[in-house]
C-alpha atoms as a PDB file:
ATOM      1  CA  MET A   1     -99.908  28.877 208.510  1.00  0.00           C
ATOM      2  CA  LYS A   2     -99.427  27.952 204.839  1.00  0.00           C
ATOM      3  CA  PHE A   3    -100.923  24.835 203.301  1.00  0.00           C
ATOM      4  CA  SER A   4    -102.323  23.571 200.031  1.00  0.00           C
ATOM      5  CA  LEU A   5    -104.939  21.050 198.957  1.00  0.00           C
ATOM      6  CA  LYS A   6    -104.599  19.136 195.745  1.00  0.00           C
ATOM      7  CA  PRO A   7    -107.361  16.981 194.237  1.00  0.00           C
ATOM      8  CA  VAL A   8    -106.465  13.407 193.296  1.00  0.00           C
ATOM      9  CA  LYS A   9    -108.390  10.615 191.573  1.00  0.00           C
ATOM     10  CA  LYS A  10    -107.271   7.797 193.914  1.00  0.00           C
ATOM     11  CA  LYS A  11    -104.746   6.975 196.588  1.00  0.00           C
ATOM     12  CA  PRO A  12    -101.512   5.374 195.374  1.00  0.00           C
ATOM     13  CA  SER A  13    -100.960   1.738 196.277  1.00  0.00           C
ATOM     14  CA  ARG A  14     -98.476   1.075 199.037  1.00  0.00           C
ATOM     15  CA  ARG A  15     -95.002   0.069 197.957  1.00  0.00           C
ATOM     16  CA  TYR A  16     -93.604  -2.936 199.750  1.00  0.00           C
ATOM     17  CA  ARG A  17     -89.914  -3.539 200.101  1.00  0.00           C
ATOM     18  CA  LYS A  18     -88.857  -6.759 198.459  1.00  0.00           C
ATOM     19  CA  GLY A  19     -86.527  -8.472 200.882  1.00  0.00           C
ATOM     20  CA  SER A  20     -84.603  -6.664 203.562  1.00  0.00           C
ATOM     21  CA  LYS A  21     -81.523  -4.523 203.906  1.00  0.00           C
ATOM     22  CA  TYR A  22     -80.096  -7.389 205.997  1.00  0.00           C
ATOM     23  CA  ASP A  23     -80.447  -9.970 203.197  1.00  0.00           C
ATOM     24  CA  PRO A  24     -77.036  -9.120 201.661  1.00  0.00           C
ATOM     25  CA  ILE A  25     -75.352 -10.089 204.957  1.00  0.00           C
ATOM     26  CA  ILE A  26     -76.948 -13.538 204.883  1.00  0.00           C
ATOM     27  CA  ASP A  27     -76.340 -13.971 201.141  1.00  0.00           C
ATOM     28  CA  ALA A  28     -72.666 -13.000 201.447  1.00  0.00           C
ATOM     29  CA  PHE A  29     -72.205 -15.408 204.345  1.00  0.00           C
ATOM     30  CA  LEU A  30     -73.823 -18.297 202.481  1.00  0.00           C
ATOM     31  CA  GLY A  31     -71.611 -17.575 199.464  1.00  0.00           C
ATOM     32  CA  ALA A  32     -68.432 -17.469 201.564  1.00  0.00           C
ATOM     33  CA  SER A  33     -66.321 -20.513 202.365  1.00  0.00           C
ATOM     34  CA  GLU A  34     -66.041 -19.734 206.093  1.00  0.00           C
ATOM     35  CA  ASP A  35     -68.277 -21.637 208.520  1.00  0.00           C
ATOM     36  CA  LEU A  36     -68.134 -19.023 211.296  1.00  0.00           C
ATOM     37  CA  VAL A  37     -67.948 -15.250 210.903  1.00  0.00           C
ATOM     38  CA  GLU A  38     -68.211 -12.179 213.107  1.00  0.00           C
ATOM     39  CA  VAL A  39     -70.740  -9.594 211.913  1.00  0.00           C
ATOM     40  CA  ASN A  40     -70.408  -5.857 212.586  1.00  0.00           C
ATOM     41  CA  VAL A  41     -72.841  -3.250 211.313  1.00  0.00           C
ATOM     42  CA  GLU A  42     -72.032   0.350 212.153  1.00  0.00           C
ATOM     43  CA  GLY A  43     -74.540   1.893 214.537  1.00  0.00           C
ATOM     44  CA  ARG A  44     -76.305  -1.378 215.356  1.00  0.00           C
ATOM     45  CA  ASP A  45     -76.185  -3.388 218.565  1.00  0.00           C
ATOM     46  CA  ALA A  46     -75.368  -7.111 218.278  1.00  0.00           C
ATOM     47  CA  ASN A  47     -78.639  -8.196 219.894  1.00  0.00           C
ATOM     48  CA  TYR A  48     -80.647  -5.971 217.539  1.00  0.00           C
ATOM     49  CA  LEU A  49     -78.791  -7.451 214.565  1.00  0.00           C
ATOM     50  CA  ARG A  50     -79.447 -10.974 215.808  1.00  0.00           C
ATOM     51  CA  THR A  51     -83.178 -10.241 215.984  1.00  0.00           C
ATOM     52  CA  GLN A  52     -83.265  -8.781 212.467  1.00  0.00           C
ATOM     53  CA  LEU A  53     -81.154 -11.550 210.940  1.00  0.00           C
ATOM     54  CA  ASN A  54     -83.210 -14.233 212.680  1.00  0.00           C
ATOM     55  CA  LYS A  55     -86.359 -12.741 211.153  1.00  0.00           C
ATOM     56  CA  ARG A  56     -84.795 -12.930 207.690  1.00  0.00           C
ATOM     57  CA  ILE A  57     -83.449 -16.440 208.278  1.00  0.00           C
ATOM     58  CA  GLU A  58     -86.960 -17.508 209.286  1.00  0.00           C
ATOM     59  CA  ALA A  59     -88.554 -15.750 206.280  1.00  0.00           C
ATOM     60  CA  LYS A  60     -86.085 -17.363 203.868  1.00  0.00           C
ATOM     61  CA  ASP A  61     -86.485 -20.765 205.586  1.00  0.00           C
ATOM     62  CA  LEU A  62     -82.752 -21.069 206.299  1.00  0.00           C
ATOM     63  CA  ARG A  63     -83.058 -22.296 209.906  1.00  0.00           C
ATOM     64  CA  THR A  64     -81.355 -25.575 209.019  1.00  0.00           C
ATOM     65  CA  GLU A  65     -78.449 -23.773 207.318  1.00  0.00           C
ATOM     66  CA  VAL A  66     -77.614 -20.657 209.361  1.00  0.00           C
ATOM     67  CA  LYS A  67     -77.448 -20.015 213.095  1.00  0.00           C
ATOM     68  CA  THR A  68     -76.877 -16.719 214.927  1.00  0.00           C
ATOM     69  CA  SER A  69     -75.382 -16.163 218.349  1.00  0.00           C
ATOM     70  CA  VAL A  70     -74.192 -13.230 220.435  1.00  0.00           C
ATOM     71  CA  VAL A  71     -71.199 -13.519 222.765  1.00  0.00           C
ATOM     72  CA  ASN A  72     -69.838 -10.465 224.609  1.00  0.00           C
ATOM     73  CA  ASN A  73     -71.959  -8.145 222.429  1.00  0.00           C
ATOM     74  CA  VAL A  74     -70.506  -9.581 219.205  1.00  0.00           C
ATOM     75  CA  LEU A  75     -72.774 -11.262 216.652  1.00  0.00           C
ATOM     76  CA  TYR A  76     -71.640 -14.494 215.002  1.00  0.00           C
ATOM     77  CA  LEU A  77     -73.130 -16.287 212.004  1.00  0.00           C
ATOM     78  CA  GLU A  78     -72.489 -20.002 211.793  1.00  0.00           C
ATOM     79  CA  LYS A  79     -73.248 -22.544 209.113  1.00  0.00           C
ATOM     80  CA  VAL A  80     -75.129 -25.506 210.558  1.00  0.00           C
ATOM     81  CA  LYS A  81     -73.652 -28.862 209.579  1.00  0.00           C
END
């Protein structure tokens, strides 16, 4: 078994992601003129996407502006009026 040990002065600080990879979906929707859109992300289930987008909507305090729903395993984003 090969290994190596390397001395260091201190541990690096943890890097936190600013925002989310799902933020562009919400931003694009809010910038669009449509009030209702269907969202598809390759390799992701609609219910998983709803959970992730709801977390971002909550974090960005957009609950009064954007609503998510899943019908027949298709995710929809809707602007709340």
